[in-house]
Amino acid sequence: MELLKRAQERKETALTILNELELLEKWNKIGQAYVVGATAYDLLVDPDIDIETFSVSPNATEAMSILSDLTSNPKVLELKYRNYLESPFNGYYFKIQYKHTPLEIWNIDMWLFSETRNGPLSRDLISLMNDSLTIDSRKVILKIKEELLKKSIILPSIYVYEAVLDYDTQCTEDFLDWMKQQDVEQQTNWRPSKKL
């Protein structure tokens, strides 16, 4: 249960940071915001929060204006923006680096998309993932993610989820073998095939 307890503590920290920075309230001023990824699935290992916001008319200038007051927060070390409209991501990307403690820096990755965006979206995985996860699969995923972090191996977590939920991978070594067959350069449309 230690794995689950650590993940829960990380999620509580993530929610504290989101509340302090009022990020969901800010993003909801210009669209519909969702906390996605590991925070939404209770599988948080890295100090990382992901948000997707969907707007009728995405506007990067408007987004920067709602985030600009964060620059006066001494815990916000970085606020950056990048236009990915002409890429497969087809959206605007914003990143905050937040100093939770002197030794713990959190990355907050935020995407602004059109409501009509096609392609893979983390928002669409939330209920599918939570319907597919069991206590045992959560433990295996968290164990693999923690071991990857200790080994400084950086891979998209969605591949860990796919390997465990669809291919019954049980350890980091088997996961890394499975990864040799995957193309991480392409966006994945994976959805969990198993449901409880």
C-alpha atoms as a PDB file:
ATOM      1  CA  MET A   1       0.000   0.000   0.000  1.00  0.00           C
ATOM      2  CA  GLU A   2       3.009   2.309   0.266  1.00  0.00           C
ATOM      3  CA  LEU A   3       2.882   2.893  -3.514  1.00  0.00           C
ATOM      4  CA  LEU A   4      -0.757   3.966  -3.337  1.00  0.00           C
ATOM      5  CA  LYS A   5      -0.118   6.120  -0.279  1.00  0.00           C
ATOM      6  CA  ARG A   6       2.753   7.953  -1.990  1.00  0.00           C
ATOM      7  CA  ALA A   7       0.602   8.522  -5.083  1.00  0.00           C
ATOM      8  CA  GLN A   8      -2.218   9.892  -2.925  1.00  0.00           C
ATOM      9  CA  GLU A   9       0.167  12.252  -1.119  1.00  0.00           C
ATOM     10  CA  ARG A  10       1.478  13.506  -4.472  1.00  0.00           C
ATOM     11  CA  LYS A  11      -2.080  14.069  -5.686  1.00  0.00           C
ATOM     12  CA  GLU A  12      -2.878  16.065  -2.550  1.00  0.00           C
ATOM     13  CA  THR A  13       0.205  18.218  -3.230  1.00  0.00           C
ATOM     14  CA  ALA A  14      -0.896  18.679  -6.861  1.00  0.00           C
ATOM     15  CA  LEU A  15      -4.383  19.777  -5.781  1.00  0.00           C
ATOM     16  CA  THR A  16      -2.875  22.182  -3.230  1.00  0.00           C
ATOM     17  CA  ILE A  17      -0.748  23.761  -5.976  1.00  0.00           C
ATOM     18  CA  LEU A  18      -3.711  23.983  -8.362  1.00  0.00           C
ATOM     19  CA  ASN A  19      -5.775  25.682  -5.647  1.00  0.00           C
ATOM     20  CA  GLU A  20      -3.003  28.083  -4.646  1.00  0.00           C
ATOM     21  CA  LEU A  21      -2.461  29.189  -8.240  1.00  0.00           C
ATOM     22  CA  GLU A  22      -6.214  29.082  -9.028  1.00  0.00           C
ATOM     23  CA  LEU A  23      -5.351  27.488 -12.355  1.00  0.00           C
ATOM     24  CA  LEU A  24      -8.675  25.805 -13.063  1.00  0.00           C
ATOM     25  CA  GLU A  25     -10.549  29.002 -12.232  1.00  0.00           C
ATOM     26  CA  LYS A  26      -8.244  30.957 -14.557  1.00  0.00           C
ATOM     27  CA  TRP A  27      -8.575  28.528 -17.466  1.00  0.00           C
ATOM     28  CA  ASN A  28     -12.349  28.194 -17.001  1.00  0.00           C
ATOM     29  CA  LYS A  29     -12.628  31.926 -17.778  1.00  0.00           C
ATOM     30  CA  ILE A  30     -11.725  31.207 -21.399  1.00  0.00           C
ATOM     31  CA  GLY A  31     -12.921  27.623 -21.892  1.00  0.00           C
ATOM     32  CA  GLN A  32     -13.577  24.295 -20.199  1.00  0.00           C
ATOM     33  CA  ALA A  33     -10.547  23.104 -18.191  1.00  0.00           C
ATOM     34  CA  TYR A  34      -9.735  19.535 -17.184  1.00  0.00           C
ATOM     35  CA  VAL A  35      -7.014  18.123 -14.948  1.00  0.00           C
ATOM     36  CA  VAL A  36      -5.773  15.152 -16.971  1.00  0.00           C
ATOM     37  CA  GLY A  37      -3.033  12.542 -16.966  1.00  0.00           C
ATOM     38  CA  ALA A  38      -1.558  10.923 -13.877  1.00  0.00           C
ATOM     39  CA  THR A  39      -3.209  13.381 -11.488  1.00  0.00           C
ATOM     40  CA  ALA A  40      -6.657  12.438 -12.825  1.00  0.00           C
ATOM     41  CA  TYR A  41      -5.895   8.696 -12.630  1.00  0.00           C
ATOM     42  CA  ASP A  42      -4.300   8.757  -9.141  1.00  0.00           C
ATOM     43  CA  LEU A  43      -1.025   7.538 -10.692  1.00  0.00           C
ATOM     44  CA  LEU A  44       1.195  10.508  -9.890  1.00  0.00           C
ATOM     45  CA  VAL A  45       4.928   9.792  -9.550  1.00  0.00           C
ATOM     46  CA  ASP A  46       6.695  12.717 -11.219  1.00  0.00           C
ATOM     47  CA  PRO A  47       6.006  16.197  -9.814  1.00  0.00           C
ATOM     48  CA  ASP A  48       3.938  17.032 -12.876  1.00  0.00           C
ATOM     49  CA  ILE A  49       0.391  18.308 -13.420  1.00  0.00           C
ATOM     50  CA  ASP A  50      -1.376  18.306 -16.789  1.00  0.00           C
ATOM     51  CA  ILE A  51      -4.306  20.501 -17.797  1.00  0.00           C
ATOM     52  CA  GLU A  52      -6.246  20.628 -21.058  1.00  0.00           C
ATOM     53  CA  THR A  53      -8.582  23.540 -21.800  1.00  0.00           C
ATOM     54  CA  PHE A  54     -11.038  23.628 -24.685  1.00  0.00           C
ATOM     55  CA  SER A  55     -12.267  26.911 -26.106  1.00  0.00           C
ATOM     56  CA  VAL A  56     -14.621  27.962 -28.908  1.00  0.00           C
ATOM     57  CA  SER A  57     -11.938  30.367 -30.118  1.00  0.00           C
ATOM     58  CA  PRO A  58      -8.512  29.638 -28.564  1.00  0.00           C
ATOM     59  CA  ASN A  59      -6.469  32.801 -28.136  1.00  0.00           C
ATOM     60  CA  ALA A  60      -2.896  32.649 -26.827  1.00  0.00           C
ATOM     61  CA  THR A  61      -2.843  36.343 -25.875  1.00  0.00           C
ATOM     62  CA  GLU A  62      -5.984  35.906 -23.789  1.00  0.00           C
ATOM     63  CA  ALA A  63      -4.461  32.834 -22.130  1.00  0.00           C
ATOM     64  CA  MET A  64      -1.260  34.685 -21.247  1.00  0.00           C
ATOM     65  CA  SER A  65      -3.288  37.532 -19.784  1.00  0.00           C
ATOM     66  CA  ILE A  66      -5.109  35.180 -17.380  1.00  0.00           C
ATOM     67  CA  LEU A  67      -1.788  33.639 -16.341  1.00  0.00           C
ATOM     68  CA  SER A  68       0.287  36.835 -16.165  1.00  0.00           C
ATOM     69  CA  ASP A  69      -0.409  37.594 -12.481  1.00  0.00           C
ATOM     70  CA  LEU A  70       1.359  34.317 -11.602  1.00  0.00           C
ATOM     71  CA  THR A  71       4.681  36.006 -12.374  1.00  0.00           C
ATOM     72  CA  SER A  72       4.368  37.895  -9.068  1.00  0.00           C
ATOM     73  CA  ASN A  73       4.176  34.612  -7.118  1.00  0.00           C
ATOM     74  CA  PRO A  74       7.697  33.904  -5.774  1.00  0.00           C
ATOM     75  CA  LYS A  75       7.094  30.141  -6.099  1.00  0.00           C
ATOM     76  CA  VAL A  76       6.503  30.458  -9.864  1.00  0.00           C
ATOM     77  CA  LEU A  77       9.971  30.112 -11.369  1.00  0.00           C
ATOM     78  CA  GLU A  78       8.954  30.020 -15.023  1.00  0.00           C
ATOM     79  CA  LEU A  79       5.982  30.721 -17.252  1.00  0.00           C
ATOM     80  CA  LYS A  80       6.401  29.951 -20.918  1.00  0.00           C
ATOM     81  CA  TYR A  81       4.341  29.625 -24.063  1.00  0.00           C
ATOM     82  CA  ARG A  82       4.732  27.853 -27.397  1.00  0.00           C
ATOM     83  CA  ASN A  83       2.564  27.814 -30.507  1.00  0.00           C
ATOM     84  CA  TYR A  84       2.009  24.248 -31.731  1.00  0.00           C
ATOM     85  CA  LEU A  85      -0.853  25.023 -34.135  1.00  0.00           C
ATOM     86  CA  GLU A  86       1.164  23.888 -37.149  1.00  0.00           C
ATOM     87  CA  SER A  87       2.074  20.550 -35.573  1.00  0.00           C
ATOM     88  CA  PRO A  88       0.124  17.348 -34.867  1.00  0.00           C
ATOM     89  CA  PHE A  89      -0.638  18.756 -31.381  1.00  0.00           C
ATOM     90  CA  ASN A  90      -2.640  21.580 -32.995  1.00  0.00           C
ATOM     91  CA  GLY A  91      -2.830  23.784 -29.912  1.00  0.00           C
ATOM     92  CA  TYR A  92      -1.145  26.328 -27.682  1.00  0.00           C
ATOM     93  CA  TYR A  93       1.167  25.061 -24.949  1.00  0.00           C
ATOM     94  CA  PHE A  94       1.913  26.800 -21.652  1.00  0.00           C
ATOM     95  CA  LYS A  95       4.251  25.653 -18.911  1.00  0.00           C
ATOM     96  CA  ILE A  96       4.761  26.721 -15.328  1.00  0.00           C
ATOM     97  CA  GLN A  97       7.611  25.643 -13.104  1.00  0.00           C
ATOM     98  CA  TYR A  98       6.571  25.891  -9.480  1.00  0.00           C
ATOM     99  CA  LYS A  99       8.863  25.579  -6.448  1.00  0.00           C
ATOM    100  CA  HIS A 100       6.874  23.597  -3.901  1.00  0.00           C
ATOM    101  CA  THR A 101       9.902  23.165  -1.639  1.00  0.00           C
ATOM    102  CA  PRO A 102      13.548  24.093  -2.235  1.00  0.00           C
ATOM    103  CA  LEU A 103      14.194  20.549  -3.495  1.00  0.00           C
ATOM    104  CA  GLU A 104      10.848  19.905  -5.220  1.00  0.00           C
ATOM    105  CA  ILE A 105      10.045  21.690  -8.479  1.00  0.00           C
ATOM    106  CA  TRP A 106       6.710  20.899 -10.113  1.00  0.00           C
ATOM    107  CA  ASN A 107       6.036  21.201 -13.839  1.00  0.00           C
ATOM    108  CA  ILE A 108       2.550  22.229 -14.836  1.00  0.00           C
ATOM    109  CA  ASP A 109       1.880  21.500 -18.511  1.00  0.00           C
ATOM    110  CA  MET A 110      -1.173  23.249 -19.926  1.00  0.00           C
ATOM    111  CA  TRP A 111      -2.718  22.953 -23.379  1.00  0.00           C
ATOM    112  CA  LEU A 112      -5.288  25.246 -24.967  1.00  0.00           C
ATOM    113  CA  PHE A 113      -7.219  23.534 -27.760  1.00  0.00           C
ATOM    114  CA  SER A 114     -10.164  24.316 -29.970  1.00  0.00           C
ATOM    115  CA  GLU A 115     -13.376  22.574 -28.922  1.00  0.00           C
ATOM    116  CA  THR A 116     -13.389  21.035 -32.400  1.00  0.00           C
ATOM    117  CA  ARG A 117      -9.833  19.640 -32.255  1.00  0.00           C
ATOM    118  CA  ASN A 118      -9.463  16.158 -33.700  1.00  0.00           C
ATOM    119  CA  GLY A 119      -6.927  13.636 -32.495  1.00  0.00           C
ATOM    120  CA  PRO A 120      -5.941  12.092 -29.181  1.00  0.00           C
ATOM    121  CA  LEU A 121      -6.958  14.033 -26.092  1.00  0.00           C
ATOM    122  CA  SER A 122      -6.105  13.170 -22.503  1.00  0.00           C
ATOM    123  CA  ARG A 123      -9.505  14.486 -21.432  1.00  0.00           C
ATOM    124  CA  ASP A 124     -11.149  11.583 -23.260  1.00  0.00           C
ATOM    125  CA  LEU A 125      -9.068   9.021 -21.339  1.00  0.00           C
ATOM    126  CA  ILE A 126     -10.076  10.005 -17.803  1.00  0.00           C
ATOM    127  CA  SER A 127     -13.227   7.895 -17.415  1.00  0.00           C
ATOM    128  CA  LEU A 128     -11.828   5.044 -19.550  1.00  0.00           C
ATOM    129  CA  MET A 129      -8.701   4.831 -17.407  1.00  0.00           C
ATOM    130  CA  ASN A 130     -10.521   5.067 -14.104  1.00  0.00           C
ATOM    131  CA  ASP A 131     -12.991   2.373 -15.253  1.00  0.00           C
ATOM    132  CA  SER A 132     -10.106   0.068 -16.244  1.00  0.00           C
ATOM    133  CA  LEU A 133      -7.769   0.468 -13.263  1.00  0.00           C
ATOM    134  CA  THR A 134      -7.789  -1.932 -10.308  1.00  0.00           C
ATOM    135  CA  ILE A 135      -5.807  -1.663  -7.088  1.00  0.00           C
ATOM    136  CA  ASP A 136      -3.401  -4.284  -8.451  1.00  0.00           C
ATOM    137  CA  SER A 137      -2.911  -2.572 -11.834  1.00  0.00           C
ATOM    138  CA  ARG A 138      -2.399   0.778 -10.064  1.00  0.00           C
ATOM    139  CA  LYS A 139       0.337  -0.773  -7.922  1.00  0.00           C
ATOM    140  CA  VAL A 140       2.117  -2.272 -10.949  1.00  0.00           C
ATOM    141  CA  ILE A 141       1.912   1.015 -12.875  1.00  0.00           C
ATOM    142  CA  LEU A 142       3.187   3.031  -9.913  1.00  0.00           C
ATOM    143  CA  LYS A 143       6.022   0.558  -9.305  1.00  0.00           C
ATOM    144  CA  ILE A 144       7.143   0.749 -12.945  1.00  0.00           C
ATOM    145  CA  LYS A 145       6.871   4.547 -13.007  1.00  0.00           C
ATOM    146  CA  GLU A 146       8.848   4.897  -9.764  1.00  0.00           C
ATOM    147  CA  GLU A 147      11.565   2.544 -11.043  1.00  0.00           C
ATOM    148  CA  LEU A 148      11.802   4.439 -14.350  1.00  0.00           C
ATOM    149  CA  LEU A 149      12.188   7.688 -12.405  1.00  0.00           C
ATOM    150  CA  LYS A 150      14.964   6.202 -10.245  1.00  0.00           C
ATOM    151  CA  LYS A 151      16.753   5.067 -13.419  1.00  0.00           C
ATOM    152  CA  SER A 152      16.221   8.517 -15.036  1.00  0.00           C
ATOM    153  CA  ILE A 153      14.390   6.896 -17.943  1.00  0.00           C
ATOM    154  CA  ILE A 154      11.920   9.363 -19.424  1.00  0.00           C
ATOM    155  CA  LEU A 155       9.068   7.845 -21.418  1.00  0.00           C
ATOM    156  CA  PRO A 156       5.442   8.922 -21.845  1.00  0.00           C
ATOM    157  CA  SER A 157       3.385   7.353 -19.067  1.00  0.00           C
ATOM    158  CA  ILE A 158       0.640   6.371 -21.485  1.00  0.00           C
ATOM    159  CA  TYR A 159       2.898   3.542 -22.646  1.00  0.00           C
ATOM    160  CA  VAL A 160       3.162   2.222 -19.084  1.00  0.00           C
ATOM    161  CA  TYR A 161      -0.627   2.307 -18.846  1.00  0.00           C
ATOM    162  CA  GLU A 162      -1.044   0.466 -22.154  1.00  0.00           C
ATOM    163  CA  ALA A 163       1.576  -2.177 -21.320  1.00  0.00           C
ATOM    164  CA  VAL A 164       0.041  -2.956 -17.923  1.00  0.00           C
ATOM    165  CA  LEU A 165      -3.656  -2.707 -18.777  1.00  0.00           C
ATOM    166  CA  ASP A 166      -3.671  -4.291 -22.245  1.00  0.00           C
ATOM    167  CA  TYR A 167      -0.582  -6.536 -22.225  1.00  0.00           C
ATOM    168  CA  ASP A 168      -0.491  -7.507 -18.541  1.00  0.00           C
ATOM    169  CA  THR A 169       3.090  -6.286 -18.110  1.00  0.00           C
ATOM    170  CA  GLN A 170       4.131  -6.804 -14.479  1.00  0.00           C
ATOM    171  CA  CYS A 171       7.661  -5.399 -14.164  1.00  0.00           C
ATOM    172  CA  THR A 172       9.967  -2.676 -15.461  1.00  0.00           C
ATOM    173  CA  GLU A 173      12.223  -5.080 -17.352  1.00  0.00           C
ATOM    174  CA  ASP A 174       9.266  -6.489 -19.321  1.00  0.00           C
ATOM    175  CA  PHE A 175       7.975  -2.975 -19.918  1.00  0.00           C
ATOM    176  CA  LEU A 176      11.320  -1.837 -21.352  1.00  0.00           C
ATOM    177  CA  ASP A 177      11.384  -4.908 -23.611  1.00  0.00           C
ATOM    178  CA  TRP A 178       7.834  -4.103 -24.774  1.00  0.00           C
ATOM    179  CA  MET A 179       8.841  -0.472 -25.408  1.00  0.00           C
ATOM    180  CA  LYS A 180      11.409  -1.588 -27.998  1.00  0.00           C
ATOM    181  CA  GLN A 181       8.451  -2.341 -30.287  1.00  0.00           C
ATOM    182  CA  GLN A 182       6.756   1.046 -29.805  1.00  0.00           C
ATOM    183  CA  ASP A 183       7.106   4.215 -31.892  1.00  0.00           C
ATOM    184  CA  VAL A 184       7.230   7.040 -29.347  1.00  0.00           C
ATOM    185  CA  GLU A 185       7.660   9.653 -32.108  1.00  0.00           C
ATOM    186  CA  GLN A 186       4.005   9.271 -33.136  1.00  0.00           C
ATOM    187  CA  GLN A 187       1.031  10.457 -31.124  1.00  0.00           C
ATOM    188  CA  THR A 188      -0.845   7.474 -29.768  1.00  0.00           C
ATOM    189  CA  ASN A 189      -4.599   6.934 -29.999  1.00  0.00           C
ATOM    190  CA  TRP A 190      -4.493   4.177 -27.379  1.00  0.00           C
ATOM    191  CA  ARG A 191      -7.554   3.546 -25.235  1.00  0.00           C
ATOM    192  CA  PRO A 192      -7.776   0.850 -22.516  1.00  0.00           C
ATOM    193  CA  SER A 193      -9.454  -2.282 -23.864  1.00  0.00           C
ATOM    194  CA  LYS A 194     -10.137  -3.900 -20.462  1.00  0.00           C
ATOM    195  CA  LYS A 195     -12.941  -2.772 -18.208  1.00  0.00           C
ATOM    196  CA  LEU A 196     -13.808  -3.975 -14.728  1.00  0.00           C
END
